[in-house]
C-alpha atoms as a PDB file:
ATOM      1  CA  MET A   1      76.050 102.751  79.377  1.00  0.00           C
ATOM      2  CA  ARG A   2      76.671 101.754  75.744  1.00  0.00           C
ATOM      3  CA  THR A   3      73.454  99.685  75.753  1.00  0.00           C
ATOM      4  CA  LEU A   4      71.508 102.658  77.070  1.00  0.00           C
ATOM      5  CA  ALA A   5      72.955 104.907  74.358  1.00  0.00           C
ATOM      6  CA  THR A   6      72.127 102.320  71.676  1.00  0.00           C
ATOM      7  CA  LEU A   7      68.562 102.032  72.949  1.00  0.00           C
ATOM      8  CA  ALA A   8      68.193 105.814  73.010  1.00  0.00           C
ATOM      9  CA  LEU A   9      69.476 106.048  69.429  1.00  0.00           C
ATOM     10  CA  ALA A  10      67.163 103.245  68.273  1.00  0.00           C
ATOM     11  CA  PHE A  11      64.187 104.914  69.955  1.00  0.00           C
ATOM     12  CA  GLY A  12      65.100 108.251  68.396  1.00  0.00           C
ATOM     13  CA  LEU A  13      65.302 106.747  64.904  1.00  0.00           C
ATOM     14  CA  THR A  14      62.029 104.897  65.382  1.00  0.00           C
ATOM     15  CA  ALA A  15      60.336 108.068  66.594  1.00  0.00           C
ATOM     16  CA  SER A  16      61.592 110.058  63.601  1.00  0.00           C
ATOM     17  CA  PHE A  17      60.262 107.409  61.166  1.00  0.00           C
ATOM     18  CA  ALA A  18      56.924 107.398  62.987  1.00  0.00           C
ATOM     19  CA  ILE A  19      56.707 111.168  62.660  1.00  0.00           C
ATOM     20  CA  ALA A  20      57.544 111.008  58.938  1.00  0.00           C
ATOM     21  CA  ASP A  21      54.812 108.417  58.384  1.00  0.00           C
ATOM     22  CA  ASP A  22      52.303 110.542  60.305  1.00  0.00           C
ATOM     23  CA  LEU A  23      52.368 113.521  57.909  1.00  0.00           C
ATOM     24  CA  LYS A  24      48.811 114.813  57.617  1.00  0.00           C
ATOM     25  CA  SER A  25      47.518 116.930  54.785  1.00  0.00           C
ATOM     26  CA  GLY A  26      44.099 117.472  53.307  1.00  0.00           C
ATOM     27  CA  PRO A  27      40.609 116.794  54.576  1.00  0.00           C
ATOM     28  CA  ALA A  28      39.875 113.547  56.412  1.00  0.00           C
ATOM     29  CA  GLY A  29      36.086 113.261  56.795  1.00  0.00           C
ATOM     30  CA  LYS A  30      34.612 115.334  53.992  1.00  0.00           C
ATOM     31  CA  ILE A  31      36.193 117.284  51.150  1.00  0.00           C
ATOM     32  CA  GLY A  32      36.564 121.033  51.609  1.00  0.00           C
ATOM     33  CA  GLY A  33      34.104 121.940  48.856  1.00  0.00           C
ATOM     34  CA  ALA A  34      34.360 123.923  45.651  1.00  0.00           C
ATOM     35  CA  PHE A  35      37.505 125.671  44.433  1.00  0.00           C
ATOM     36  CA  ASP A  36      38.681 127.001  41.084  1.00  0.00           C
ATOM     37  CA  VAL A  37      41.611 125.908  38.977  1.00  0.00           C
ATOM     38  CA  LYS A  38      42.946 126.827  35.564  1.00  0.00           C
ATOM     39  CA  ALA A  39      42.981 123.762  33.334  1.00  0.00           C
ATOM     40  CA  ILE A  40      46.299 123.316  31.543  1.00  0.00           C
ATOM     41  CA  THR A  41      45.458 120.008  29.821  1.00  0.00           C
ATOM     42  CA  GLY A  42      42.341 117.963  29.151  1.00  0.00           C
ATOM     43  CA  GLU A  43      38.995 118.811  27.585  1.00  0.00           C
ATOM     44  CA  LYS A  44      38.765 122.086  29.548  1.00  0.00           C
ATOM     45  CA  ALA A  45      42.315 123.310  28.756  1.00  0.00           C
ATOM     46  CA  GLY A  46      42.615 127.085  28.983  1.00  0.00           C
ATOM     47  CA  LYS A  47      39.464 127.476  31.084  1.00  0.00           C
ATOM     48  CA  GLN A  48      39.000 128.344  34.743  1.00  0.00           C
ATOM     49  CA  LEU A  49      36.589 125.968  36.456  1.00  0.00           C
ATOM     50  CA  CYS A  50      35.752 123.918  39.524  1.00  0.00           C
ATOM     51  CA  TYR A  51      36.462 120.206  38.981  1.00  0.00           C
ATOM     52  CA  VAL A  52      34.819 119.275  42.297  1.00  0.00           C
ATOM     53  CA  CYS A  53      31.660 120.977  40.971  1.00  0.00           C
ATOM     54  CA  LYS A  54      32.055 119.292  37.575  1.00  0.00           C
ATOM     55  CA  PHE A  55      32.418 115.842  39.138  1.00  0.00           C
ATOM     56  CA  GLY A  56      29.436 116.490  41.404  1.00  0.00           C
ATOM     57  CA  GLY A  57      27.296 117.732  38.509  1.00  0.00           C
ATOM     58  CA  GLU A  58      28.175 114.624  36.505  1.00  0.00           C
ATOM     59  CA  ALA A  59      27.237 112.449  39.528  1.00  0.00           C
ATOM     60  CA  ARG A  60      30.630 110.744  39.463  1.00  0.00           C
ATOM     61  CA  PRO A  61      30.654 107.902  42.028  1.00  0.00           C
ATOM     62  CA  ALA A  62      34.231 108.747  43.091  1.00  0.00           C
ATOM     63  CA  ALA A  63      37.038 111.193  42.402  1.00  0.00           C
ATOM     64  CA  VAL A  64      40.749 111.645  43.037  1.00  0.00           C
ATOM     65  CA  LEU A  65      42.300 115.051  43.725  1.00  0.00           C
ATOM     66  CA  VAL A  66      46.107 115.171  43.550  1.00  0.00           C
ATOM     67  CA  PHE A  67      47.568 118.369  44.994  1.00  0.00           C
ATOM     68  CA  THR A  68      51.251 118.782  44.166  1.00  0.00           C
ATOM     69  CA  GLN A  69      53.967 121.307  44.874  1.00  0.00           C
ATOM     70  CA  LYS A  70      56.248 119.783  42.252  1.00  0.00           C
ATOM     71  CA  ALA A  71      55.909 118.606  38.661  1.00  0.00           C
ATOM     72  CA  ASP A  72      58.439 115.867  37.941  1.00  0.00           C
ATOM     73  CA  ASP A  73      58.760 112.272  36.730  1.00  0.00           C
ATOM     74  CA  ASN A  74      57.830 110.910  40.166  1.00  0.00           C
ATOM     75  CA  LEU A  75      54.533 112.772  39.972  1.00  0.00           C
ATOM     76  CA  VAL A  76      54.054 111.313  36.497  1.00  0.00           C
ATOM     77  CA  SER A  77      54.293 107.806  38.013  1.00  0.00           C
ATOM     78  CA  VAL A  78      51.451 108.636  40.398  1.00  0.00           C
ATOM     79  CA  VAL A  79      49.302 110.132  37.644  1.00  0.00           C
ATOM     80  CA  LYS A  80      49.914 107.172  35.311  1.00  0.00           C
ATOM     81  CA  ALA A  81      48.748 104.768  38.030  1.00  0.00           C
ATOM     82  CA  ILE A  82      45.562 106.821  38.475  1.00  0.00           C
ATOM     83  CA  ASP A  83      45.153 107.087  34.677  1.00  0.00           C
ATOM     84  CA  GLU A  84      45.082 103.288  34.449  1.00  0.00           C
ATOM     85  CA  VAL A  85      42.174 103.132  36.878  1.00  0.00           C
ATOM     86  CA  GLN A  86      40.386 105.990  35.116  1.00  0.00           C
ATOM     87  CA  LYS A  87      40.837 104.402  31.673  1.00  0.00           C
ATOM     88  CA  SER A  88      38.929 101.293  32.734  1.00  0.00           C
ATOM     89  CA  ASN A  89      36.462 103.198  34.960  1.00  0.00           C
ATOM     90  CA  LYS A  90      35.265 106.209  32.979  1.00  0.00           C
ATOM     91  CA  ASP A  91      33.067 107.334  35.889  1.00  0.00           C
ATOM     92  CA  LEU A  92      36.093 108.081  38.090  1.00  0.00           C
ATOM     93  CA  GLY A  93      36.849 111.794  38.238  1.00  0.00           C
ATOM     94  CA  THR A  94      40.567 112.605  38.307  1.00  0.00           C
ATOM     95  CA  VAL A  95      42.481 115.878  38.419  1.00  0.00           C
ATOM     96  CA  VAL A  96      45.967 117.068  39.384  1.00  0.00           C
ATOM     97  CA  ILE A  97      46.159 120.502  41.007  1.00  0.00           C
ATOM     98  CA  GLY A  98      49.468 122.355  41.013  1.00  0.00           C
ATOM     99  CA  VAL A  99      49.993 124.513  44.105  1.00  0.00           C
ATOM    100  CA  SER A 100      52.783 126.578  45.691  1.00  0.00           C
ATOM    101  CA  GLY A 101      54.598 127.654  42.570  1.00  0.00           C
ATOM    102  CA  VAL A 102      53.765 124.919  40.063  1.00  0.00           C
ATOM    103  CA  GLN A 103      53.312 126.726  36.750  1.00  0.00           C
ATOM    104  CA  ALA A 104      51.352 125.964  33.598  1.00  0.00           C
ATOM    105  CA  THR A 105      54.635 125.469  31.720  1.00  0.00           C
ATOM    106  CA  ASP A 106      55.642 122.717  34.180  1.00  0.00           C
ATOM    107  CA  PHE A 107      52.526 120.727  33.304  1.00  0.00           C
ATOM    108  CA  GLU A 108      52.756 121.532  29.581  1.00  0.00           C
ATOM    109  CA  LYS A 109      56.232 119.924  29.498  1.00  0.00           C
ATOM    110  CA  ILE A 110      54.992 116.816  31.323  1.00  0.00           C
ATOM    111  CA  GLN A 111      51.974 116.475  29.037  1.00  0.00           C
ATOM    112  CA  ALA A 112      54.078 116.863  25.868  1.00  0.00           C
ATOM    113  CA  THR A 113      56.286 113.970  26.989  1.00  0.00           C
ATOM    114  CA  HIS A 114      53.818 111.637  28.725  1.00  0.00           C
ATOM    115  CA  LYS A 115      50.322 112.254  27.230  1.00  0.00           C
ATOM    116  CA  LEU A 116      48.462 111.791  30.519  1.00  0.00           C
ATOM    117  CA  THR A 117      44.693 111.234  30.666  1.00  0.00           C
ATOM    118  CA  THR A 118      44.145 113.018  33.991  1.00  0.00           C
ATOM    119  CA  ALA A 119      43.665 116.764  33.630  1.00  0.00           C
ATOM    120  CA  LEU A 120      46.603 118.844  34.865  1.00  0.00           C
ATOM    121  CA  THR A 121      45.547 122.138  36.450  1.00  0.00           C
ATOM    122  CA  VAL A 122      46.928 124.969  38.540  1.00  0.00           C
ATOM    123  CA  ALA A 123      45.017 126.262  41.583  1.00  0.00           C
ATOM    124  CA  VAL A 124      43.695 129.810  41.288  1.00  0.00           C
ATOM    125  CA  ASP A 125      44.662 130.303  44.950  1.00  0.00           C
ATOM    126  CA  LYS A 126      48.434 129.779  44.751  1.00  0.00           C
ATOM    127  CA  ASP A 127      48.657 127.629  47.901  1.00  0.00           C
ATOM    128  CA  GLY A 128      45.506 125.687  47.094  1.00  0.00           C
ATOM    129  CA  PRO A 129      42.062 125.946  48.621  1.00  0.00           C
ATOM    130  CA  ALA A 130      42.264 126.945  52.298  1.00  0.00           C
ATOM    131  CA  LYS A 131      39.357 124.669  53.247  1.00  0.00           C
ATOM    132  CA  TYR A 132      41.416 121.630  52.191  1.00  0.00           C
ATOM    133  CA  ASP A 133      44.002 122.085  54.965  1.00  0.00           C
ATOM    134  CA  LEU A 134      46.993 121.310  52.756  1.00  0.00           C
ATOM    135  CA  ASN A 135      50.189 120.881  54.755  1.00  0.00           C
ATOM    136  CA  LYS A 136      53.084 122.950  53.352  1.00  0.00           C
ATOM    137  CA  ASP A 137      55.423 120.057  54.272  1.00  0.00           C
ATOM    138  CA  ALA A 138      53.538 117.703  51.938  1.00  0.00           C
ATOM    139  CA  ALA A 139      54.892 117.821  48.397  1.00  0.00           C
ATOM    140  CA  VAL A 140      51.931 115.656  47.331  1.00  0.00           C
ATOM    141  CA  THR A 141      48.502 115.298  48.924  1.00  0.00           C
ATOM    142  CA  VAL A 142      46.017 112.843  47.400  1.00  0.00           C
ATOM    143  CA  VAL A 143      42.360 112.907  48.400  1.00  0.00           C
ATOM    144  CA  VAL A 144      40.096 110.074  47.242  1.00  0.00           C
ATOM    145  CA  TYR A 145      36.407 110.673  47.844  1.00  0.00           C
ATOM    146  CA  LYS A 146      32.985 109.258  47.031  1.00  0.00           C
ATOM    147  CA  LYS A 147      29.944 111.006  45.558  1.00  0.00           C
ATOM    148  CA  GLY A 148      28.706 113.471  48.157  1.00  0.00           C
ATOM    149  CA  GLY A 149      32.224 114.340  49.321  1.00  0.00           C
ATOM    150  CA  SER A 150      33.010 111.593  51.864  1.00  0.00           C
ATOM    151  CA  VAL A 151      36.770 111.071  51.926  1.00  0.00           C
ATOM    152  CA  THR A 152      37.619 107.364  51.645  1.00  0.00           C
ATOM    153  CA  LYS A 153      41.413 107.722  51.646  1.00  0.00           C
ATOM    154  CA  ASN A 154      43.901 110.497  52.137  1.00  0.00           C
ATOM    155  CA  PHE A 155      47.623 110.310  51.349  1.00  0.00           C
ATOM    156  CA  ALA A 156      50.337 112.845  52.232  1.00  0.00           C
ATOM    157  CA  PHE A 157      53.956 112.625  51.103  1.00  0.00           C
ATOM    158  CA  LYS A 158      56.962 114.810  51.888  1.00  0.00           C
ATOM    159  CA  THR A 159      58.446 114.132  48.444  1.00  0.00           C
ATOM    160  CA  THR A 160      57.179 113.151  45.027  1.00  0.00           C
ATOM    161  CA  LYS A 161      59.502 110.137  45.242  1.00  0.00           C
ATOM    162  CA  GLU A 162      57.600 108.877  48.311  1.00  0.00           C
ATOM    163  CA  ALA A 163      54.352 109.403  46.406  1.00  0.00           C
ATOM    164  CA  ALA A 164      55.660 107.450  43.401  1.00  0.00           C
ATOM    165  CA  GLU A 165      56.577 104.553  45.691  1.00  0.00           C
ATOM    166  CA  LYS A 166      52.922 104.405  46.827  1.00  0.00           C
ATOM    167  CA  ALA A 167      51.365 104.882  43.364  1.00  0.00           C
ATOM    168  CA  LYS A 168      49.851 101.372  43.414  1.00  0.00           C
ATOM    169  CA  ASP A 169      48.256 102.040  46.823  1.00  0.00           C
ATOM    170  CA  ILE A 170      46.753 105.268  45.478  1.00  0.00           C
ATOM    171  CA  ALA A 171      45.394 103.455  42.409  1.00  0.00           C
ATOM    172  CA  THR A 172      43.931 100.727  44.635  1.00  0.00           C
ATOM    173  CA  ALA A 173      42.219 103.346  46.814  1.00  0.00           C
ATOM    174  CA  ALA A 174      40.729 104.947  43.679  1.00  0.00           C
ATOM    175  CA  SER A 175      39.407 101.569  42.485  1.00  0.00           C
ATOM    176  CA  GLU A 176      37.941 100.757  45.894  1.00  0.00           C
ATOM    177  CA  ALA A 177      36.168 104.124  46.095  1.00  0.00           C
ATOM    178  CA  LEU A 178      34.217 103.167  42.963  1.00  0.00           C
ATOM    179  CA  LYS A 179      32.678 100.120  44.701  1.00  0.00           C
END
């Protein structure tokens, strides 16, 4: 009986880890299209614009969209990893989009401390663009896509800490999308 209980517990723990790893958020095949943000930092600071449109108009070979529900040091780790790729690959489009309560002041504080290259923005639609199917359980959703909108990699994390732990994988996906 004890063996059966142990097996049941082990299966239950394994199943819960599998479910945690299977968090889905964001588009899988093709990006959801245009959406507006208010730029908090970067060359377009203070303006409302569509970065997906900007990247498309500039014929960028690849882009990274980071949707976040939280602005903290873990998010900074993710953005710094992407910044490193962008610094050596000027054609990569990168933008962070604050959703679900992230405010301009949150990003202003981060920028003052960390001087990030990637533009920090806040979505005009508070919960982000509906066509992007963002999961409310995902604190961070990263969408890497190629010119034309084909998604090459999609990441979803329940916490910004989980995202920070995978920052190198995100940076690698961004580099590979440029090839």
